[in-house]
């Protein structure tokens, strides 16, 4: 079970599942990403922000990979567009990560 110093209510797995289901339902109905609602909830449970961010990025990766598989299964994925956008995105992310690493080291963090 999850331990939390703030509330004994958050230790209940039924409570956690119902909150997660509610967040997923509202996110789907409104059309927003679930991260905008799940992040404050996980922060209230006492999780570290970097753990929450890593979890959200991992879930986004899984969601996007599933979308690509659906497009492939329906035969509507334009391969040249996929390669151009995908490779460009990967290069840009790698460059941004490299520059941010240099910046963070220069400011001493």
PDB file of N, CA and C in Angstrom:
ATOM      1  N   UNK A   1       0.825  -1.186   0.000  1.00  0.00           N
ATOM      2  CA  UNK A   1       0.000   0.000   0.000  1.00  0.00           C
ATOM      3  C   UNK A   1       0.867   1.246   0.000  1.00  0.00           C
ATOM      4  N   UNK A   2       0.287   2.321  -0.449  1.00  0.00           N
ATOM      5  CA  UNK A   2       0.983   3.601  -0.500  1.00  0.00           C
ATOM      6  C   UNK A   2       0.883   4.259   0.868  1.00  0.00           C
ATOM      7  N   UNK A   3       2.009   4.712   1.350  1.00  0.00           N
ATOM      8  CA  UNK A   3       2.002   5.406   2.628  1.00  0.00           C
ATOM      9  C   UNK A   3       2.101   6.901   2.386  1.00  0.00           C
ATOM     10  N   UNK A   4       1.398   7.631   3.178  1.00  0.00           N
ATOM     11  CA  UNK A   4       1.379   9.078   3.049  1.00  0.00           C
ATOM     12  C   UNK A   4       1.206   9.671   4.443  1.00  0.00           C
ATOM     13  N   UNK A   5       1.970  10.701   4.737  1.00  0.00           N
ATOM     14  CA  UNK A   5       1.883  11.332   6.038  1.00  0.00           C
ATOM     15  C   UNK A   5       0.675  12.251   6.159  1.00  0.00           C
ATOM     16  N   UNK A   6       0.138  12.671   5.022  1.00  0.00           N
ATOM     17  CA  UNK A   6      -0.925  13.677   5.054  1.00  0.00           C
ATOM     18  C   UNK A   6      -2.293  13.105   5.386  1.00  0.00           C
ATOM     19  N   UNK A   7      -2.631  11.935   4.851  1.00  0.00           N
ATOM     20  CA  UNK A   7      -3.987  11.446   5.006  1.00  0.00           C
ATOM     21  C   UNK A   7      -4.005   9.932   5.004  1.00  0.00           C
ATOM     22  N   UNK A   8      -4.859   9.359   5.836  1.00  0.00           N
ATOM     23  CA  UNK A   8      -5.021   7.909   5.810  1.00  0.00           C
ATOM     24  C   UNK A   8      -5.947   7.490   4.684  1.00  0.00           C
ATOM     25  N   UNK A   9      -6.738   8.425   4.145  1.00  0.00           N
ATOM     26  CA  UNK A   9      -7.661   8.101   3.069  1.00  0.00           C
ATOM     27  C   UNK A   9      -6.920   7.694   1.798  1.00  0.00           C
ATOM     28  N   UNK A  10      -5.753   8.274   1.552  1.00  0.00           N
ATOM     29  CA  UNK A  10      -5.016   7.983   0.323  1.00  0.00           C
ATOM     30  C   UNK A  10      -4.341   6.625   0.355  1.00  0.00           C
ATOM     31  N   UNK A  11      -4.361   5.919   1.471  1.00  0.00           N
ATOM     32  CA  UNK A  11      -3.765   4.599   1.548  1.00  0.00           C
ATOM     33  C   UNK A  11      -4.697   3.526   0.976  1.00  0.00           C
ATOM     34  N   UNK A  12      -5.953   3.849   0.836  1.00  0.00           N
ATOM     35  CA  UNK A  12      -6.945   2.894   0.380  1.00  0.00           C
ATOM     36  C   UNK A  12      -6.828   2.675  -1.131  1.00  0.00           C
ATOM     37  N   UNK A  13      -6.564   1.432  -1.581  1.00  0.00           N
ATOM     38  CA  UNK A  13      -6.429   1.180  -3.019  1.00  0.00           C
ATOM     39  C   UNK A  13      -7.706   1.478  -3.798  1.00  0.00           C
ATOM     40  N   UNK A  14      -8.856   1.269  -3.189  1.00  0.00           N
ATOM     41  CA  UNK A  14     -10.120   1.568  -3.863  1.00  0.00           C
ATOM     42  C   UNK A  14     -10.227   3.065  -4.136  1.00  0.00           C
ATOM     43  N   UNK A  15      -9.803   3.865  -3.171  1.00  0.00           N
ATOM     44  CA  UNK A  15      -9.802   5.319  -3.355  1.00  0.00           C
ATOM     45  C   UNK A  15      -8.879   5.708  -4.503  1.00  0.00           C
ATOM     46  N   UNK A  16      -7.668   5.125  -4.532  1.00  0.00           N
ATOM     47  CA  UNK A  16      -6.708   5.447  -5.586  1.00  0.00           C
ATOM     48  C   UNK A  16      -7.240   5.047  -6.961  1.00  0.00           C
ATOM     49  N   UNK A  17      -7.827   3.868  -7.068  1.00  0.00           N
ATOM     50  CA  UNK A  17      -8.378   3.417  -8.348  1.00  0.00           C
ATOM     51  C   UNK A  17      -9.547   4.288  -8.800  1.00  0.00           C
ATOM     52  N   UNK A  18     -10.393   4.672  -7.854  1.00  0.00           N
ATOM     53  CA  UNK A  18     -11.539   5.496  -8.236  1.00  0.00           C
ATOM     54  C   UNK A  18     -11.097   6.893  -8.679  1.00  0.00           C
ATOM     55  N   UNK A  19     -10.102   7.453  -8.017  1.00  0.00           N
ATOM     56  CA  UNK A  19      -9.584   8.762  -8.442  1.00  0.00           C
ATOM     57  C   UNK A  19      -8.946   8.651  -9.823  1.00  0.00           C
ATOM     58  N   UNK A  20      -8.146   7.604 -10.043  1.00  0.00           N
ATOM     59  CA  UNK A  20      -7.501   7.409 -11.345  1.00  0.00           C
ATOM     60  C   UNK A  20      -8.553   7.217 -12.440  1.00  0.00           C
ATOM     61  N   UNK A  21      -9.582   6.437 -12.167  1.00  0.00           N
ATOM     62  CA  UNK A  21     -10.650   6.242 -13.149  1.00  0.00           C
ATOM     63  C   UNK A  21     -11.376   7.555 -13.429  1.00  0.00           C
ATOM     64  N   UNK A  22     -11.666   8.302 -12.380  1.00  0.00           N
ATOM     65  CA  UNK A  22     -12.339   9.587 -12.554  1.00  0.00           C
ATOM     66  C   UNK A  22     -11.518  10.566 -13.371  1.00  0.00           C
ATOM     67  N   UNK A  23     -10.229  10.622 -13.105  1.00  0.00           N
ATOM     68  CA  UNK A  23      -9.344  11.507 -13.867  1.00  0.00           C
ATOM     69  C   UNK A  23      -9.311  11.090 -15.329  1.00  0.00           C
ATOM     70  N   UNK A  24      -9.204   9.782 -15.588  1.00  0.00           N
ATOM     71  CA  UNK A  24      -9.203   9.292 -16.965  1.00  0.00           C
ATOM     72  C   UNK A  24     -10.499   9.593 -17.682  1.00  0.00           C
ATOM     73  N   UNK A  25     -11.613   9.420 -16.989  1.00  0.00           N
ATOM     74  CA  UNK A  25     -12.928   9.679 -17.585  1.00  0.00           C
ATOM     75  C   UNK A  25     -13.094  11.154 -17.929  1.00  0.00           C
ATOM     76  N   UNK A  26     -12.779  12.022 -16.986  1.00  0.00           N
ATOM     77  CA  UNK A  26     -12.915  13.464 -17.221  1.00  0.00           C
ATOM     78  C   UNK A  26     -11.975  13.918 -18.336  1.00  0.00           C
ATOM     79  N   UNK A  27     -10.755  13.398 -18.337  1.00  0.00           N
ATOM     80  CA  UNK A  27      -9.794  13.764 -19.390  1.00  0.00           C
ATOM     81  C   UNK A  27     -10.309  13.362 -20.763  1.00  0.00           C
ATOM     82  N   UNK A  28     -10.895  12.176 -20.859  1.00  0.00           N
ATOM     83  CA  UNK A  28     -11.424  11.712 -22.141  1.00  0.00           C
ATOM     84  C   UNK A  28     -12.633  12.528 -22.582  1.00  0.00           C
ATOM     85  N   UNK A  29     -13.489  12.883 -21.643  1.00  0.00           N
ATOM     86  CA  UNK A  29     -14.700  13.636 -21.991  1.00  0.00           C
ATOM     87  C   UNK A  29     -14.382  15.080 -22.384  1.00  0.00           C
ATOM     88  N   UNK A  30     -13.448  15.679 -21.705  1.00  0.00           N
ATOM     89  CA  UNK A  30     -13.121  17.081 -21.959  1.00  0.00           C
ATOM     90  C   UNK A  30     -12.115  17.223 -23.098  1.00  0.00           C
ATOM     91  N   UNK A  31     -11.309  16.190 -23.316  1.00  0.00           N
ATOM     92  CA  UNK A  31     -10.336  16.226 -24.396  1.00  0.00           C
ATOM     93  C   UNK A  31      -9.006  16.833 -24.010  1.00  0.00           C
ATOM     94  N   UNK A  32      -8.692  16.772 -22.731  1.00  0.00           N
ATOM     95  CA  UNK A  32      -7.400  17.295 -22.271  1.00  0.00           C
ATOM     96  C   UNK A  32      -6.512  16.131 -21.876  1.00  0.00           C
ATOM     97  N   UNK A  33      -5.252  16.400 -21.730  1.00  0.00           N
ATOM     98  CA  UNK A  33      -4.333  15.368 -21.273  1.00  0.00           C
ATOM     99  C   UNK A  33      -4.556  15.083 -19.798  1.00  0.00           C
ATOM    100  N   UNK A  34      -4.421  13.844 -19.422  1.00  0.00           N
ATOM    101  CA  UNK A  34      -4.625  13.456 -18.032  1.00  0.00           C
ATOM    102  C   UNK A  34      -3.579  14.013 -17.092  1.00  0.00           C
ATOM    103  N   UNK A  35      -2.432  14.395 -17.634  1.00  0.00           N
ATOM    104  CA  UNK A  35      -1.350  14.901 -16.788  1.00  0.00           C
ATOM    105  C   UNK A  35      -1.751  16.168 -16.041  1.00  0.00           C
ATOM    106  N   UNK A  36      -2.615  16.966 -16.641  1.00  0.00           N
ATOM    107  CA  UNK A  36      -3.018  18.212 -15.979  1.00  0.00           C
ATOM    108  C   UNK A  36      -3.820  17.950 -14.711  1.00  0.00           C
ATOM    109  N   UNK A  37      -4.361  16.755 -14.581  1.00  0.00           N
ATOM    110  CA  UNK A  37      -5.103  16.426 -13.368  1.00  0.00           C
ATOM    111  C   UNK A  37      -4.383  15.399 -12.502  1.00  0.00           C
ATOM    112  N   UNK A  38      -3.635  14.489 -13.112  1.00  0.00           N
ATOM    113  CA  UNK A  38      -2.981  13.441 -12.328  1.00  0.00           C
ATOM    114  C   UNK A  38      -1.745  13.973 -11.596  1.00  0.00           C
ATOM    115  N   UNK A  39      -1.082  14.976 -12.156  1.00  0.00           N
ATOM    116  CA  UNK A  39       0.119  15.519 -11.502  1.00  0.00           C
ATOM    117  C   UNK A  39      -0.215  16.113 -10.135  1.00  0.00           C
ATOM    118  N   UNK A  40      -1.215  16.974 -10.010  1.00  0.00           N
ATOM    119  CA  UNK A  40      -1.530  17.476  -8.663  1.00  0.00           C
ATOM    120  C   UNK A  40      -1.938  16.370  -7.694  1.00  0.00           C
ATOM    121  N   UNK A  41      -2.643  15.363  -8.215  1.00  0.00           N
ATOM    122  CA  UNK A  41      -3.045  14.243  -7.359  1.00  0.00           C
ATOM    123  C   UNK A  41      -1.821  13.485  -6.844  1.00  0.00           C
ATOM    124  N   UNK A  42      -0.884  13.182  -7.733  1.00  0.00           N
ATOM    125  CA  UNK A  42       0.319  12.465  -7.307  1.00  0.00           C
ATOM    126  C   UNK A  42       1.185  13.313  -6.384  1.00  0.00           C
ATOM    127  N   UNK A  43       1.213  14.631  -6.619  1.00  0.00           N
ATOM    128  CA  UNK A  43       1.945  15.518  -5.701  1.00  0.00           C
ATOM    129  C   UNK A  43       1.322  15.485  -4.310  1.00  0.00           C
ATOM    130  N   UNK A  44      -0.002  15.431  -4.262  1.00  0.00           N
ATOM    131  CA  UNK A  44      -0.677  15.380  -2.960  1.00  0.00           C
ATOM    132  C   UNK A  44      -0.409  14.068  -2.234  1.00  0.00           C
ATOM    133  N   UNK A  45      -0.052  13.018  -2.992  1.00  0.00           N
ATOM    134  CA  UNK A  45       0.300  11.743  -2.366  1.00  0.00           C
ATOM    135  C   UNK A  45       1.738  11.727  -1.865  1.00  0.00           C
ATOM    136  N   UNK A  46       2.509  12.756  -2.215  1.00  0.00           N
ATOM    137  CA  UNK A  46       3.869  12.861  -1.708  1.00  0.00           C
ATOM    138  C   UNK A  46       4.950  12.367  -2.650  1.00  0.00           C
ATOM    139  N   UNK A  47       4.616  12.085  -3.908  1.00  0.00           N
ATOM    140  CA  UNK A  47       5.632  11.655  -4.865  1.00  0.00           C
ATOM    141  C   UNK A  47       6.502  12.834  -5.267  1.00  0.00           C
ATOM    142  N   UNK A  48       7.755  12.546  -5.582  1.00  0.00           N
ATOM    143  CA  UNK A  48       8.689  13.584  -6.007  1.00  0.00           C
ATOM    144  C   UNK A  48       8.317  14.058  -7.414  1.00  0.00           C
ATOM    145  N   UNK A  49       8.460  15.341  -7.698  1.00  0.00           N
ATOM    146  CA  UNK A  49       8.092  15.865  -9.023  1.00  0.00           C
ATOM    147  C   UNK A  49       8.826  15.193 -10.174  1.00  0.00           C
ATOM    148  N   UNK A  50      10.106  14.845  -9.995  1.00  0.00           N
ATOM    149  CA  UNK A  50      10.830  14.209 -11.097  1.00  0.00           C
ATOM    150  C   UNK A  50      10.299  12.804 -11.376  1.00  0.00           C
ATOM    151  N   UNK A  51       9.805  12.115 -10.357  1.00  0.00           N
ATOM    152  CA  UNK A  51       9.205  10.792 -10.563  1.00  0.00           C
ATOM    153  C   UNK A  51       7.892  10.930 -11.324  1.00  0.00           C
ATOM    154  N   UNK A  52       7.121  11.934 -10.977  1.00  0.00           N
ATOM    155  CA  UNK A  52       5.845  12.163 -11.655  1.00  0.00           C
ATOM    156  C   UNK A  52       6.086  12.520 -13.111  1.00  0.00           C
ATOM    157  N   UNK A  53       7.040  13.374 -13.366  1.00  0.00           N
ATOM    158  CA  UNK A  53       7.336  13.771 -14.749  1.00  0.00           C
ATOM    159  C   UNK A  53       7.810  12.584 -15.582  1.00  0.00           C
ATOM    160  N   UNK A  54       8.694  11.783 -15.017  1.00  0.00           N
ATOM    161  CA  UNK A  54       9.180  10.605 -15.740  1.00  0.00           C
ATOM    162  C   UNK A  54       8.037   9.635 -16.027  1.00  0.00           C
ATOM    163  N   UNK A  55       7.150   9.466 -15.084  1.00  0.00           N
ATOM    164  CA  UNK A  55       5.995   8.587 -15.289  1.00  0.00           C
ATOM    165  C   UNK A  55       5.108   9.112 -16.405  1.00  0.00           C
ATOM    166  N   UNK A  56       4.858  10.413 -16.419  1.00  0.00           N
ATOM    167  CA  UNK A  56       4.014  10.997 -17.461  1.00  0.00           C
ATOM    168  C   UNK A  56       4.648  10.880 -18.842  1.00  0.00           C
ATOM    169  N   UNK A  57       5.943  11.100 -18.935  1.00  0.00           N
ATOM    170  CA  UNK A  57       6.624  10.984 -20.226  1.00  0.00           C
ATOM    171  C   UNK A  57       6.564   9.547 -20.730  1.00  0.00           C
ATOM    172  N   UNK A  58       6.745   8.589 -19.826  1.00  0.00           N
ATOM    173  CA  UNK A  58       6.653   7.178 -20.203  1.00  0.00           C
ATOM    174  C   UNK A  58       5.251   6.843 -20.718  1.00  0.00           C
ATOM    175  N   UNK A  59       4.223   7.336 -20.040  1.00  0.00           N
ATOM    176  CA  UNK A  59       2.853   7.064 -20.483  1.00  0.00           C
ATOM    177  C   UNK A  59       2.551   7.740 -21.815  1.00  0.00           C
ATOM    178  N   UNK A  60       3.092   8.918 -22.043  1.00  0.00           N
ATOM    179  CA  UNK A  60       2.925   9.590 -23.332  1.00  0.00           C
ATOM    180  C   UNK A  60       3.583   8.771 -24.434  1.00  0.00           C
ATOM    181  N   UNK A  61       4.768   8.231 -24.164  1.00  0.00           N
ATOM    182  CA  UNK A  61       5.453   7.377 -25.135  1.00  0.00           C
ATOM    183  C   UNK A  61       4.601   6.170 -25.497  1.00  0.00           C
ATOM    184  N   UNK A  62       4.023   5.512 -24.495  1.00  0.00           N
ATOM    185  CA  UNK A  62       3.171   4.355 -24.763  1.00  0.00           C
ATOM    186  C   UNK A  62       1.932   4.736 -25.578  1.00  0.00           C
ATOM    187  N   UNK A  63       1.334   5.865 -25.258  1.00  0.00           N
ATOM    188  CA  UNK A  63       0.142   6.318 -25.981  1.00  0.00           C
ATOM    189  C   UNK A  63       0.470   6.599 -27.437  1.00  0.00           C
ATOM    190  N   UNK A  64       1.555   7.291 -27.673  1.00  0.00           N
ATOM    191  CA  UNK A  64       1.935   7.620 -29.059  1.00  0.00           C
ATOM    192  C   UNK A  64       2.321   6.375 -29.842  1.00  0.00           C
ATOM    193  N   UNK A  65       3.004   5.433 -29.197  1.00  0.00           N
ATOM    194  CA  UNK A  65       3.366   4.183 -29.873  1.00  0.00           C
ATOM    195  C   UNK A  65       2.110   3.396 -30.244  1.00  0.00           C
ATOM    196  N   UNK A  66       1.128   3.386 -29.363  1.00  0.00           N
ATOM    197  CA  UNK A  66      -0.133   2.706 -29.672  1.00  0.00           C
ATOM    198  C   UNK A  66      -0.840   3.389 -30.840  1.00  0.00           C
ATOM    199  N   UNK A  67      -0.782   4.705 -30.901  1.00  0.00           N
ATOM    200  CA  UNK A  67      -1.402   5.433 -32.020  1.00  0.00           C
ATOM    201  C   UNK A  67      -0.735   5.076 -33.341  1.00  0.00           C
ATOM    202  N   UNK A  68       0.579   4.984 -33.332  1.00  0.00           N
ATOM    203  CA  UNK A  68       1.307   4.613 -34.548  1.00  0.00           C
ATOM    204  C   UNK A  68       0.904   3.207 -34.987  1.00  0.00           C
ATOM    205  N   UNK A  69       0.794   2.290 -34.033  1.00  0.00           N
ATOM    206  CA  UNK A  69       0.393   0.923 -34.374  1.00  0.00           C
ATOM    207  C   UNK A  69      -1.019   0.870 -34.954  1.00  0.00           C
ATOM    208  N   UNK A  70      -1.908   1.698 -34.455  1.00  0.00           N
ATOM    209  CA  UNK A  70      -3.268   1.753 -35.000  1.00  0.00           C
ATOM    210  C   UNK A  70      -3.237   2.275 -36.432  1.00  0.00           C
ATOM    211  N   UNK A  71      -2.473   3.334 -36.673  1.00  0.00           N
ATOM    212  CA  UNK A  71      -2.365   3.862 -38.036  1.00  0.00           C
ATOM    213  C   UNK A  71      -1.764   2.827 -38.979  1.00  0.00           C
ATOM    214  N   UNK A  72      -0.764   2.084 -38.514  1.00  0.00           N
ATOM    215  CA  UNK A  72      -0.161   1.037 -39.350  1.00  0.00           C
ATOM    216  C   UNK A  72      -1.181  -0.063 -39.631  1.00  0.00           C
ATOM    217  N   UNK A  73      -1.935  -0.478 -38.625  1.00  0.00           N
ATOM    218  CA  UNK A  73      -2.898  -1.566 -38.815  1.00  0.00           C
ATOM    219  C   UNK A  73      -4.023  -1.175 -39.777  1.00  0.00           C
ATOM    220  N   UNK A  74      -4.397   0.105 -39.804  1.00  0.00           N
ATOM    221  CA  UNK A  74      -5.424   0.570 -40.739  1.00  0.00           C
ATOM    222  C   UNK A  74      -4.854   0.887 -42.113  1.00  0.00           C
ATOM    223  N   UNK A  75      -3.535   0.882 -42.222  1.00  0.00           N
ATOM    224  CA  UNK A  75      -2.899   1.155 -43.503  1.00  0.00           C
ATOM    225  C   UNK A  75      -2.966   2.606 -43.937  1.00  0.00           C
ATOM    226  N   UNK A  76      -3.085   3.517 -42.983  1.00  0.00           N
ATOM    227  CA  UNK A  76      -3.210   4.938 -43.327  1.00  0.00           C
ATOM    228  C   UNK A  76      -1.990   5.750 -42.898  1.00  0.00           C
ATOM    229  N   UNK A  77      -0.929   5.061 -42.507  1.00  0.00           N
ATOM    230  CA  UNK A  77       0.285   5.765 -42.105  1.00  0.00           C
ATOM    231  C   UNK A  77       1.107   6.090 -43.343  1.00  0.00           C
ATOM    232  N   UNK A  78       1.363   7.353 -43.548  1.00  0.00           N
ATOM    233  CA  UNK A  78       2.210   7.783 -44.654  1.00  0.00           C
ATOM    234  C   UNK A  78       3.656   7.663 -44.195  1.00  0.00           C
ATOM    235  N   UNK A  79       4.365   6.689 -44.748  1.00  0.00           N
ATOM    236  CA  UNK A  79       5.694   6.355 -44.251  1.00  0.00           C
ATOM    237  C   UNK A  79       6.697   7.494 -44.424  1.00  0.00           C
ATOM    238  N   UNK A  80       6.684   8.179 -45.562  1.00  0.00           N
ATOM    239  CA  UNK A  80       7.651   9.258 -45.759  1.00  0.00           C
ATOM    240  C   UNK A  80       7.410  10.409 -44.782  1.00  0.00           C
ATOM    241  N   UNK A  81       6.151  10.749 -44.554  1.00  0.00           N
ATOM    242  CA  UNK A  81       5.815  11.789 -43.575  1.00  0.00           C
ATOM    243  C   UNK A  81       6.239  11.343 -42.172  1.00  0.00           C
ATOM    244  N   UNK A  82       5.959  10.096 -41.843  1.00  0.00           N
ATOM    245  CA  UNK A  82       6.323   9.547 -40.539  1.00  0.00           C
ATOM    246  C   UNK A  82       7.831   9.610 -40.313  1.00  0.00           C
ATOM    247  N   UNK A  83       8.599   9.237 -41.316  1.00  0.00           N
ATOM    248  CA  UNK A  83      10.053   9.254 -41.177  1.00  0.00           C
ATOM    249  C   UNK A  83      10.600  10.674 -41.059  1.00  0.00           C
ATOM    250  N   UNK A  84      10.089  11.595 -41.889  1.00  0.00           N
ATOM    251  CA  UNK A  84      10.577  12.981 -41.843  1.00  0.00           C
ATOM    252  C   UNK A  84      10.255  13.620 -40.492  1.00  0.00           C
ATOM    253  N   UNK A  85       9.002  13.520 -40.073  1.00  0.00           N
ATOM    254  CA  UNK A  85       8.605  14.142 -38.807  1.00  0.00           C
ATOM    255  C   UNK A  85       9.270  13.432 -37.631  1.00  0.00           C
ATOM    256  N   UNK A  86       9.300  12.107 -37.668  1.00  0.00           N
ATOM    257  CA  UNK A  86       9.895  11.345 -36.572  1.00  0.00           C
ATOM    258  C   UNK A  86      11.379  11.609 -36.418  1.00  0.00           C
ATOM    259  N   UNK A  87      12.111  11.559 -37.521  1.00  0.00           N
ATOM    260  CA  UNK A  87      13.555  11.799 -37.444  1.00  0.00           C
ATOM    261  C   UNK A  87      13.869  13.240 -37.061  1.00  0.00           C
ATOM    262  N   UNK A  88      13.115  14.183 -37.609  1.00  0.00           N
ATOM    263  CA  UNK A  88      13.315  15.588 -37.247  1.00  0.00           C
ATOM    264  C   UNK A  88      13.059  15.805 -35.758  1.00  0.00           C
ATOM    265  N   UNK A  89      12.005  15.194 -35.255  1.00  0.00           N
ATOM    266  CA  UNK A  89      11.690  15.325 -33.830  1.00  0.00           C
ATOM    267  C   UNK A  89      12.789  14.739 -32.965  1.00  0.00           C
ATOM    268  N   UNK A  90      13.290  13.562 -33.345  1.00  0.00           N
ATOM    269  CA  UNK A  90      14.348  12.936 -32.553  1.00  0.00           C
ATOM    270  C   UNK A  90      15.618  13.780 -32.542  1.00  0.00           C
ATOM    271  N   UNK A  91      15.979  14.351 -33.680  1.00  0.00           N
ATOM    272  CA  UNK A  91      17.174  15.192 -33.747  1.00  0.00           C
ATOM    273  C   UNK A  91      16.985  16.449 -32.899  1.00  0.00           C
ATOM    274  N   UNK A  92      15.816  17.077 -33.002  1.00  0.00           N
ATOM    275  CA  UNK A  92      15.557  18.296 -32.230  1.00  0.00           C
ATOM    276  C   UNK A  92      15.558  18.028 -30.726  1.00  0.00           C
ATOM    277  N   UNK A  93      14.977  16.914 -30.312  1.00  0.00           N
ATOM    278  CA  UNK A  93      14.972  16.567 -28.887  1.00  0.00           C
ATOM    279  C   UNK A  93      16.394  16.309 -28.397  1.00  0.00           C
ATOM    280  N   UNK A  94      17.192  15.608 -29.195  1.00  0.00           N
ATOM    281  CA  UNK A  94      18.575  15.328 -28.807  1.00  0.00           C
ATOM    282  C   UNK A  94      19.373  16.630 -28.686  1.00  0.00           C
ATOM    283  N   UNK A  95      19.198  17.539 -29.636  1.00  0.00           N
ATOM    284  CA  UNK A  95      19.906  18.823 -29.579  1.00  0.00           C
ATOM    285  C   UNK A  95      19.458  19.652 -28.373  1.00  0.00           C
ATOM    286  N   UNK A  96      18.165  19.693 -28.125  1.00  0.00           N
ATOM    287  CA  UNK A  96      17.660  20.454 -26.980  1.00  0.00           C
ATOM    288  C   UNK A  96      18.177  19.870 -25.673  1.00  0.00           C
ATOM    289  N   UNK A  97      18.200  18.553 -25.571  1.00  0.00           N
ATOM    290  CA  UNK A  97      18.713  17.905 -24.364  1.00  0.00           C
ATOM    291  C   UNK A  97      20.189  18.216 -24.173  1.00  0.00           C
ATOM    292  N   UNK A  98      20.952  18.174 -25.237  1.00  0.00           N
ATOM    293  CA  UNK A  98      22.379  18.478 -25.176  1.00  0.00           C
ATOM    294  C   UNK A  98      22.610  19.919 -24.719  1.00  0.00           C
ATOM    295  N   UNK A  99      21.867  20.885 -25.304  1.00  0.00           N
ATOM    296  CA  UNK A  99      22.026  22.293 -24.936  1.00  0.00           C
ATOM    297  C   UNK A  99      21.582  22.550 -23.500  1.00  0.00           C
ATOM    298  N   UNK A 100      20.501  21.926 -23.086  1.00  0.00           N
ATOM    299  CA  UNK A 100      20.038  22.120 -21.712  1.00  0.00           C
ATOM    300  C   UNK A 100      21.027  21.542 -20.707  1.00  0.00           C
ATOM    301  N   UNK A 101      21.640  20.429 -21.047  1.00  0.00           N
ATOM    302  CA  UNK A 101      22.655  19.847 -20.166  1.00  0.00           C
ATOM    303  C   UNK A 101      23.828  20.809 -20.002  1.00  0.00           C
ATOM    304  N   UNK A 102      24.262  21.404 -21.100  1.00  0.00           N
ATOM    305  CA  UNK A 102      25.350  22.390 -21.037  1.00  0.00           C
ATOM    306  C   UNK A 102      24.940  23.585 -20.187  1.00  0.00           C
ATOM    307  N   UNK A 103      23.730  24.070 -20.384  1.00  0.00           N
ATOM    308  CA  UNK A 103      23.237  25.236 -19.628  1.00  0.00           C
ATOM    309  C   UNK A 103      23.164  24.925 -18.128  1.00  0.00           C
ATOM    310  N   UNK A 104      22.612  23.768 -17.788  1.00  0.00           N
ATOM    311  CA  UNK A 104      22.464  23.406 -16.377  1.00  0.00           C
ATOM    312  C   UNK A 104      23.835  23.295 -15.715  1.00  0.00           C
ATOM    313  N   UNK A 105      24.814  22.724 -16.409  1.00  0.00           N
ATOM    314  CA  UNK A 105      26.165  22.630 -15.855  1.00  0.00           C
ATOM    315  C   UNK A 105      26.798  24.019 -15.709  1.00  0.00           C
ATOM    316  N   UNK A 106      26.491  24.943 -16.640  1.00  0.00           N
ATOM    317  CA  UNK A 106      27.093  26.270 -16.567  1.00  0.00           C
ATOM    318  C   UNK A 106      26.548  27.101 -15.397  1.00  0.00           C
ATOM    319  N   UNK A 107      25.309  26.856 -15.013  1.00  0.00           N
ATOM    320  CA  UNK A 107      24.751  27.595 -13.877  1.00  0.00           C
ATOM    321  C   UNK A 107      24.958  26.877 -12.557  1.00  0.00           C
ATOM    322  N   UNK A 108      25.580  25.709 -12.621  1.00  0.00           N
ATOM    323  CA  UNK A 108      25.942  25.013 -11.398  1.00  0.00           C
ATOM    324  C   UNK A 108      24.824  24.271 -10.710  1.00  0.00           C
ATOM    325  N   UNK A 109      23.885  23.765 -11.447  1.00  0.00           N
ATOM    326  CA  UNK A 109      22.780  23.007 -10.839  1.00  0.00           C
ATOM    327  C   UNK A 109      22.890  21.561 -11.144  1.00  0.00           C
TER     328      UNK A 109
END
